[in-house]
């Protein structure tokens, strides 16, 4: 295999990983939107039953709480990919131009580290729930392992997205640097 073929093969795996991550994030975002609509509908129905029919539905709060957990874990990776997470950019003007790439790279590395810690913590929490076989303390009695499985899955997708964004930044940064060197 020639170096050019090897280079294209290496580039191919990343494009496939990035495409996979984008597709999963789109699916997660669509599911989160759908669940938000379900939550809103349940709350409107609860309002009608409570204030118009004077017969509140006891389990609506429980369902909305459980669905909010799903919405959160389905939304963290798509939010990261779209740049919707909170960033502190008020100090950008104080950073010299030649250090901005390095600062952004450090930010991306810290995001990957945070995502790994987040996954580890959520997975440990879920493992405890499964081992204890914990049951919810709500109106609806449900084993929490059947609800909180979304946590490790969402955290894993968050980590994968953070890694893809780091690699993309690294590759674009190298490409930009090579273009600057060639222009000189």
C-alpha atoms as a PDB file:
ATOM      1  CA  UNK A   1       0.000   0.000   0.000  1.00  0.00           C
ATOM      2  CA  UNK A   2       1.409   3.362  -0.980  1.00  0.00           C
ATOM      3  CA  UNK A   3       1.573   6.257   1.487  1.00  0.00           C
ATOM      4  CA  UNK A   4      -1.168   8.069  -0.455  1.00  0.00           C
ATOM      5  CA  UNK A   5      -3.499   5.047  -0.290  1.00  0.00           C
ATOM      6  CA  UNK A   6      -2.748   4.653   3.407  1.00  0.00           C
ATOM      7  CA  UNK A   7      -3.485   8.340   3.939  1.00  0.00           C
ATOM      8  CA  UNK A   8      -6.853   8.032   2.140  1.00  0.00           C
ATOM      9  CA  UNK A   9      -7.717   4.924   4.158  1.00  0.00           C
ATOM     10  CA  UNK A  10      -6.931   6.743   7.412  1.00  0.00           C
ATOM     11  CA  UNK A  11      -8.971   9.724   6.281  1.00  0.00           C
ATOM     12  CA  UNK A  12     -11.851   7.418   5.394  1.00  0.00           C
ATOM     13  CA  UNK A  13     -12.257   5.988   8.884  1.00  0.00           C
ATOM     14  CA  UNK A  14     -12.625   9.466  10.345  1.00  0.00           C
ATOM     15  CA  UNK A  15     -15.206  10.573   7.781  1.00  0.00           C
ATOM     16  CA  UNK A  16     -17.214   7.413   8.508  1.00  0.00           C
ATOM     17  CA  UNK A  17     -16.981   8.050  12.258  1.00  0.00           C
ATOM     18  CA  UNK A  18     -17.984  11.687  11.810  1.00  0.00           C
ATOM     19  CA  UNK A  19     -20.919  10.712   9.573  1.00  0.00           C
ATOM     20  CA  UNK A  20     -22.054   8.097  12.085  1.00  0.00           C
ATOM     21  CA  UNK A  21     -21.849  10.639  14.914  1.00  0.00           C
ATOM     22  CA  UNK A  22     -23.824  13.230  12.951  1.00  0.00           C
ATOM     23  CA  UNK A  23     -26.547  10.715  12.048  1.00  0.00           C
ATOM     24  CA  UNK A  24     -26.892   9.508  15.633  1.00  0.00           C
ATOM     25  CA  UNK A  25     -26.973  13.117  16.867  1.00  0.00           C
ATOM     26  CA  UNK A  26     -29.747  13.948  14.385  1.00  0.00           C
ATOM     27  CA  UNK A  27     -31.745  10.946  15.562  1.00  0.00           C
ATOM     28  CA  UNK A  28     -31.151  11.890  19.213  1.00  0.00           C
ATOM     29  CA  UNK A  29     -32.203  15.506  18.556  1.00  0.00           C
ATOM     30  CA  UNK A  30     -35.355  14.401  16.724  1.00  0.00           C
ATOM     31  CA  UNK A  31     -36.275  12.019  19.552  1.00  0.00           C
ATOM     32  CA  UNK A  32     -35.642  14.749  22.138  1.00  0.00           C
ATOM     33  CA  UNK A  33     -37.913  17.139  20.217  1.00  0.00           C
ATOM     34  CA  UNK A  34     -40.602  14.483  20.002  1.00  0.00           C
ATOM     35  CA  UNK A  35     -40.349  13.839  23.743  1.00  0.00           C
ATOM     36  CA  UNK A  36     -40.624  17.561  24.489  1.00  0.00           C
ATOM     37  CA  UNK A  37     -43.871  17.571  22.487  1.00  0.00           C
ATOM     38  CA  UNK A  38     -45.102  14.575  24.482  1.00  0.00           C
ATOM     39  CA  UNK A  39     -44.231  16.371  27.735  1.00  0.00           C
ATOM     40  CA  UNK A  40     -46.025  19.531  26.611  1.00  0.00           C
ATOM     41  CA  UNK A  41     -49.086  17.537  25.561  1.00  0.00           C
ATOM     42  CA  UNK A  42     -49.175  15.672  28.877  1.00  0.00           C
ATOM     43  CA  UNK A  43     -48.947  18.943  30.797  1.00  0.00           C
ATOM     44  CA  UNK A  44     -51.737  20.548  28.751  1.00  0.00           C
ATOM     45  CA  UNK A  45     -53.913  17.481  29.301  1.00  0.00           C
ATOM     46  CA  UNK A  46     -53.106  17.653  33.024  1.00  0.00           C
ATOM     47  CA  UNK A  47     -54.123  21.340  33.127  1.00  0.00           C
ATOM     48  CA  UNK A  48     -57.425  20.593  31.403  1.00  0.00           C
ATOM     49  CA  UNK A  49     -58.153  17.666  33.703  1.00  0.00           C
ATOM     50  CA  UNK A  50     -57.148  19.570  36.848  1.00  0.00           C
ATOM     51  CA  UNK A  51     -58.776  22.949  36.243  1.00  0.00           C
ATOM     52  CA  UNK A  52     -61.594  22.238  33.797  1.00  0.00           C
ATOM     53  CA  UNK A  53     -62.711  18.752  34.795  1.00  0.00           C
ATOM     54  CA  UNK A  54     -61.558  19.027  38.424  1.00  0.00           C
ATOM     55  CA  UNK A  55     -60.074  15.530  38.175  1.00  0.00           C
ATOM     56  CA  UNK A  56     -56.238  15.695  38.116  1.00  0.00           C
ATOM     57  CA  UNK A  57     -54.197  12.885  36.654  1.00  0.00           C
ATOM     58  CA  UNK A  58     -51.768  11.620  39.286  1.00  0.00           C
ATOM     59  CA  UNK A  59     -49.111  10.078  37.036  1.00  0.00           C
ATOM     60  CA  UNK A  60     -48.445  12.997  34.650  1.00  0.00           C
ATOM     61  CA  UNK A  61     -45.735  14.520  36.856  1.00  0.00           C
ATOM     62  CA  UNK A  62     -43.920  11.177  37.039  1.00  0.00           C
ATOM     63  CA  UNK A  63     -44.034  10.685  33.284  1.00  0.00           C
ATOM     64  CA  UNK A  64     -42.751  14.203  32.619  1.00  0.00           C
ATOM     65  CA  UNK A  65     -39.871  13.739  35.075  1.00  0.00           C
ATOM     66  CA  UNK A  66     -38.840  10.466  33.442  1.00  0.00           C
ATOM     67  CA  UNK A  67     -39.123  11.937  29.952  1.00  0.00           C
ATOM     68  CA  UNK A  68     -37.020  14.959  30.961  1.00  0.00           C
ATOM     69  CA  UNK A  69     -34.201  12.567  31.846  1.00  0.00           C
ATOM     70  CA  UNK A  70     -34.435  11.169  28.322  1.00  0.00           C
ATOM     71  CA  UNK A  71     -34.585  14.658  26.796  1.00  0.00           C
ATOM     72  CA  UNK A  72     -31.439  15.697  28.658  1.00  0.00           C
ATOM     73  CA  UNK A  73     -29.340  12.676  27.697  1.00  0.00           C
ATOM     74  CA  UNK A  74     -30.597  12.702  24.117  1.00  0.00           C
ATOM     75  CA  UNK A  75     -29.761  16.418  23.802  1.00  0.00           C
ATOM     76  CA  UNK A  76     -26.235  16.768  25.209  1.00  0.00           C
ATOM     77  CA  UNK A  77     -24.356  15.380  22.189  1.00  0.00           C
ATOM     78  CA  UNK A  78     -26.373  17.234  19.522  1.00  0.00           C
ATOM     79  CA  UNK A  79     -25.977  20.448  21.540  1.00  0.00           C
ATOM     80  CA  UNK A  80     -22.211  19.948  21.648  1.00  0.00           C
ATOM     81  CA  UNK A  81     -22.060  19.253  17.921  1.00  0.00           C
ATOM     82  CA  UNK A  82     -24.097  22.354  17.054  1.00  0.00           C
ATOM     83  CA  UNK A  83     -22.078  24.606  19.361  1.00  0.00           C
ATOM     84  CA  UNK A  84     -25.029  25.266  21.663  1.00  0.00           C
ATOM     85  CA  UNK A  85     -23.109  24.589  24.859  1.00  0.00           C
ATOM     86  CA  UNK A  86     -22.000  27.500  26.966  1.00  0.00           C
ATOM     87  CA  UNK A  87     -18.663  29.013  26.002  1.00  0.00           C
ATOM     88  CA  UNK A  88     -16.765  31.776  27.700  1.00  0.00           C
ATOM     89  CA  UNK A  89     -15.606  34.079  24.950  1.00  0.00           C
ATOM     90  CA  UNK A  90     -15.342  37.361  26.825  1.00  0.00           C
ATOM     91  CA  UNK A  91     -11.566  36.896  27.140  1.00  0.00           C
ATOM     92  CA  UNK A  92     -10.983  36.114  23.452  1.00  0.00           C
ATOM     93  CA  UNK A  93     -10.037  39.708  22.734  1.00  0.00           C
ATOM     94  CA  UNK A  94      -7.311  39.486  25.384  1.00  0.00           C
ATOM     95  CA  UNK A  95      -5.671  36.459  23.768  1.00  0.00           C
ATOM     96  CA  UNK A  96      -3.084  37.123  21.097  1.00  0.00           C
ATOM     97  CA  UNK A  97      -3.990  35.773  17.664  1.00  0.00           C
ATOM     98  CA  UNK A  98      -1.083  33.320  17.650  1.00  0.00           C
ATOM     99  CA  UNK A  99      -2.394  31.674  20.860  1.00  0.00           C
ATOM    100  CA  UNK A 100      -6.067  31.389  19.909  1.00  0.00           C
ATOM    101  CA  UNK A 101      -5.734  28.010  18.215  1.00  0.00           C
ATOM    102  CA  UNK A 102      -3.867  26.640  21.213  1.00  0.00           C
ATOM    103  CA  UNK A 103      -6.524  27.934  23.599  1.00  0.00           C
ATOM    104  CA  UNK A 104      -9.298  26.447  21.468  1.00  0.00           C
ATOM    105  CA  UNK A 105      -7.400  23.140  21.334  1.00  0.00           C
ATOM    106  CA  UNK A 106      -7.074  23.125  25.124  1.00  0.00           C
ATOM    107  CA  UNK A 107     -10.815  23.790  25.363  1.00  0.00           C
ATOM    108  CA  UNK A 108     -11.577  20.838  23.094  1.00  0.00           C
ATOM    109  CA  UNK A 109      -9.233  18.574  25.081  1.00  0.00           C
ATOM    110  CA  UNK A 110     -10.891  19.656  28.326  1.00  0.00           C
ATOM    111  CA  UNK A 111     -14.289  18.902  26.790  1.00  0.00           C
ATOM    112  CA  UNK A 112     -13.135  15.364  25.958  1.00  0.00           C
ATOM    113  CA  UNK A 113     -11.813  14.933  29.511  1.00  0.00           C
ATOM    114  CA  UNK A 114     -15.099  16.215  30.945  1.00  0.00           C
ATOM    115  CA  UNK A 115     -17.066  13.882  28.643  1.00  0.00           C
ATOM    116  CA  UNK A 116     -14.986  10.883  29.776  1.00  0.00           C
ATOM    117  CA  UNK A 117     -15.536  11.745  33.447  1.00  0.00           C
ATOM    118  CA  UNK A 118     -19.232  12.329  32.742  1.00  0.00           C
ATOM    119  CA  UNK A 119     -19.553   8.915  31.061  1.00  0.00           C
ATOM    120  CA  UNK A 120     -17.676   7.198  33.876  1.00  0.00           C
ATOM    121  CA  UNK A 121     -19.863   8.839  36.537  1.00  0.00           C
ATOM    122  CA  UNK A 122     -23.151   8.140  34.751  1.00  0.00           C
ATOM    123  CA  UNK A 123     -22.124   4.538  34.011  1.00  0.00           C
ATOM    124  CA  UNK A 124     -21.155   4.009  37.674  1.00  0.00           C
ATOM    125  CA  UNK A 125     -24.494   5.463  38.796  1.00  0.00           C
ATOM    126  CA  UNK A 126     -26.382   3.226  36.367  1.00  0.00           C
ATOM    127  CA  UNK A 127     -24.382   0.169  37.475  1.00  0.00           C
ATOM    128  CA  UNK A 128     -25.364   0.876  41.085  1.00  0.00           C
ATOM    129  CA  UNK A 129     -29.017   1.147  40.076  1.00  0.00           C
ATOM    130  CA  UNK A 130     -28.842  -2.187  38.254  1.00  0.00           C
ATOM    131  CA  UNK A 131     -27.010  -3.943  41.103  1.00  0.00           C
ATOM    132  CA  UNK A 132     -29.412  -2.665  43.759  1.00  0.00           C
ATOM    133  CA  UNK A 133     -32.403  -3.143  41.446  1.00  0.00           C
ATOM    134  CA  UNK A 134     -33.696   0.203  42.649  1.00  0.00           C
ATOM    135  CA  UNK A 135     -37.350   1.132  42.218  1.00  0.00           C
ATOM    136  CA  UNK A 136     -38.705   4.654  41.698  1.00  0.00           C
ATOM    137  CA  UNK A 137     -40.308   6.476  44.616  1.00  0.00           C
ATOM    138  CA  UNK A 138     -43.079   7.932  42.500  1.00  0.00           C
ATOM    139  CA  UNK A 139     -46.717   7.254  41.774  1.00  0.00           C
ATOM    140  CA  UNK A 140     -45.618   4.910  39.002  1.00  0.00           C
ATOM    141  CA  UNK A 141     -43.549   2.110  40.430  1.00  0.00           C
ATOM    142  CA  UNK A 142     -40.858   1.322  37.884  1.00  0.00           C
ATOM    143  CA  UNK A 143     -37.451  -0.272  38.172  1.00  0.00           C
ATOM    144  CA  UNK A 144     -35.035   2.566  37.470  1.00  0.00           C
ATOM    145  CA  UNK A 145     -32.781   0.396  35.334  1.00  0.00           C
ATOM    146  CA  UNK A 146     -35.525   0.444  32.686  1.00  0.00           C
ATOM    147  CA  UNK A 147     -35.536   4.255  32.705  1.00  0.00           C
ATOM    148  CA  UNK A 148     -31.950   5.333  33.254  1.00  0.00           C
ATOM    149  CA  UNK A 149     -30.275   3.187  30.587  1.00  0.00           C
ATOM    150  CA  UNK A 150     -30.390   6.300  28.438  1.00  0.00           C
ATOM    151  CA  UNK A 151     -27.784   7.931  30.713  1.00  0.00           C
ATOM    152  CA  UNK A 152     -24.743   5.866  29.703  1.00  0.00           C
ATOM    153  CA  UNK A 153     -25.893   5.847  26.072  1.00  0.00           C
ATOM    154  CA  UNK A 154     -26.261   9.635  25.941  1.00  0.00           C
ATOM    155  CA  UNK A 155     -22.981  10.174  27.808  1.00  0.00           C
ATOM    156  CA  UNK A 156     -21.180   7.808  25.410  1.00  0.00           C
ATOM    157  CA  UNK A 157     -22.528   9.717  22.421  1.00  0.00           C
ATOM    158  CA  UNK A 158     -21.440  12.969  24.099  1.00  0.00           C
ATOM    159  CA  UNK A 159     -17.901  11.589  24.479  1.00  0.00           C
ATOM    160  CA  UNK A 160     -17.854  10.336  20.894  1.00  0.00           C
ATOM    161  CA  UNK A 161     -19.014  13.734  19.635  1.00  0.00           C
ATOM    162  CA  UNK A 162     -16.355  15.516  21.724  1.00  0.00           C
ATOM    163  CA  UNK A 163     -13.641  13.232  20.316  1.00  0.00           C
ATOM    164  CA  UNK A 164     -14.851  13.779  16.745  1.00  0.00           C
ATOM    165  CA  UNK A 165     -14.870  17.554  17.254  1.00  0.00           C
ATOM    166  CA  UNK A 166     -11.349  17.414  18.711  1.00  0.00           C
ATOM    167  CA  UNK A 167     -10.039  15.360  15.791  1.00  0.00           C
ATOM    168  CA  UNK A 168     -11.797  17.623  13.282  1.00  0.00           C
ATOM    169  CA  UNK A 169     -10.279  20.700  14.934  1.00  0.00           C
ATOM    170  CA  UNK A 170      -6.826  19.089  14.985  1.00  0.00           C
ATOM    171  CA  UNK A 171      -7.045  18.137  11.303  1.00  0.00           C
ATOM    172  CA  UNK A 172      -8.334  21.553  10.229  1.00  0.00           C
ATOM    173  CA  UNK A 173      -5.698  23.252  12.355  1.00  0.00           C
ATOM    174  CA  UNK A 174      -2.931  21.231  10.715  1.00  0.00           C
ATOM    175  CA  UNK A 175      -4.372  21.866   7.272  1.00  0.00           C
ATOM    176  CA  UNK A 176      -4.575  25.621   7.962  1.00  0.00           C
ATOM    177  CA  UNK A 177      -1.004  25.648   9.272  1.00  0.00           C
ATOM    178  CA  UNK A 178       0.257  23.772   6.213  1.00  0.00           C
ATOM    179  CA  UNK A 179      -1.495  26.291   3.941  1.00  0.00           C
ATOM    180  CA  UNK A 180       0.144  29.172   5.797  1.00  0.00           C
ATOM    181  CA  UNK A 181       3.593  27.553   5.526  1.00  0.00           C
ATOM    182  CA  UNK A 182       3.112  26.906   1.801  1.00  0.00           C
ATOM    183  CA  UNK A 183       1.934  30.503   1.233  1.00  0.00           C
ATOM    184  CA  UNK A 184       5.133  31.836   2.793  1.00  0.00           C
END
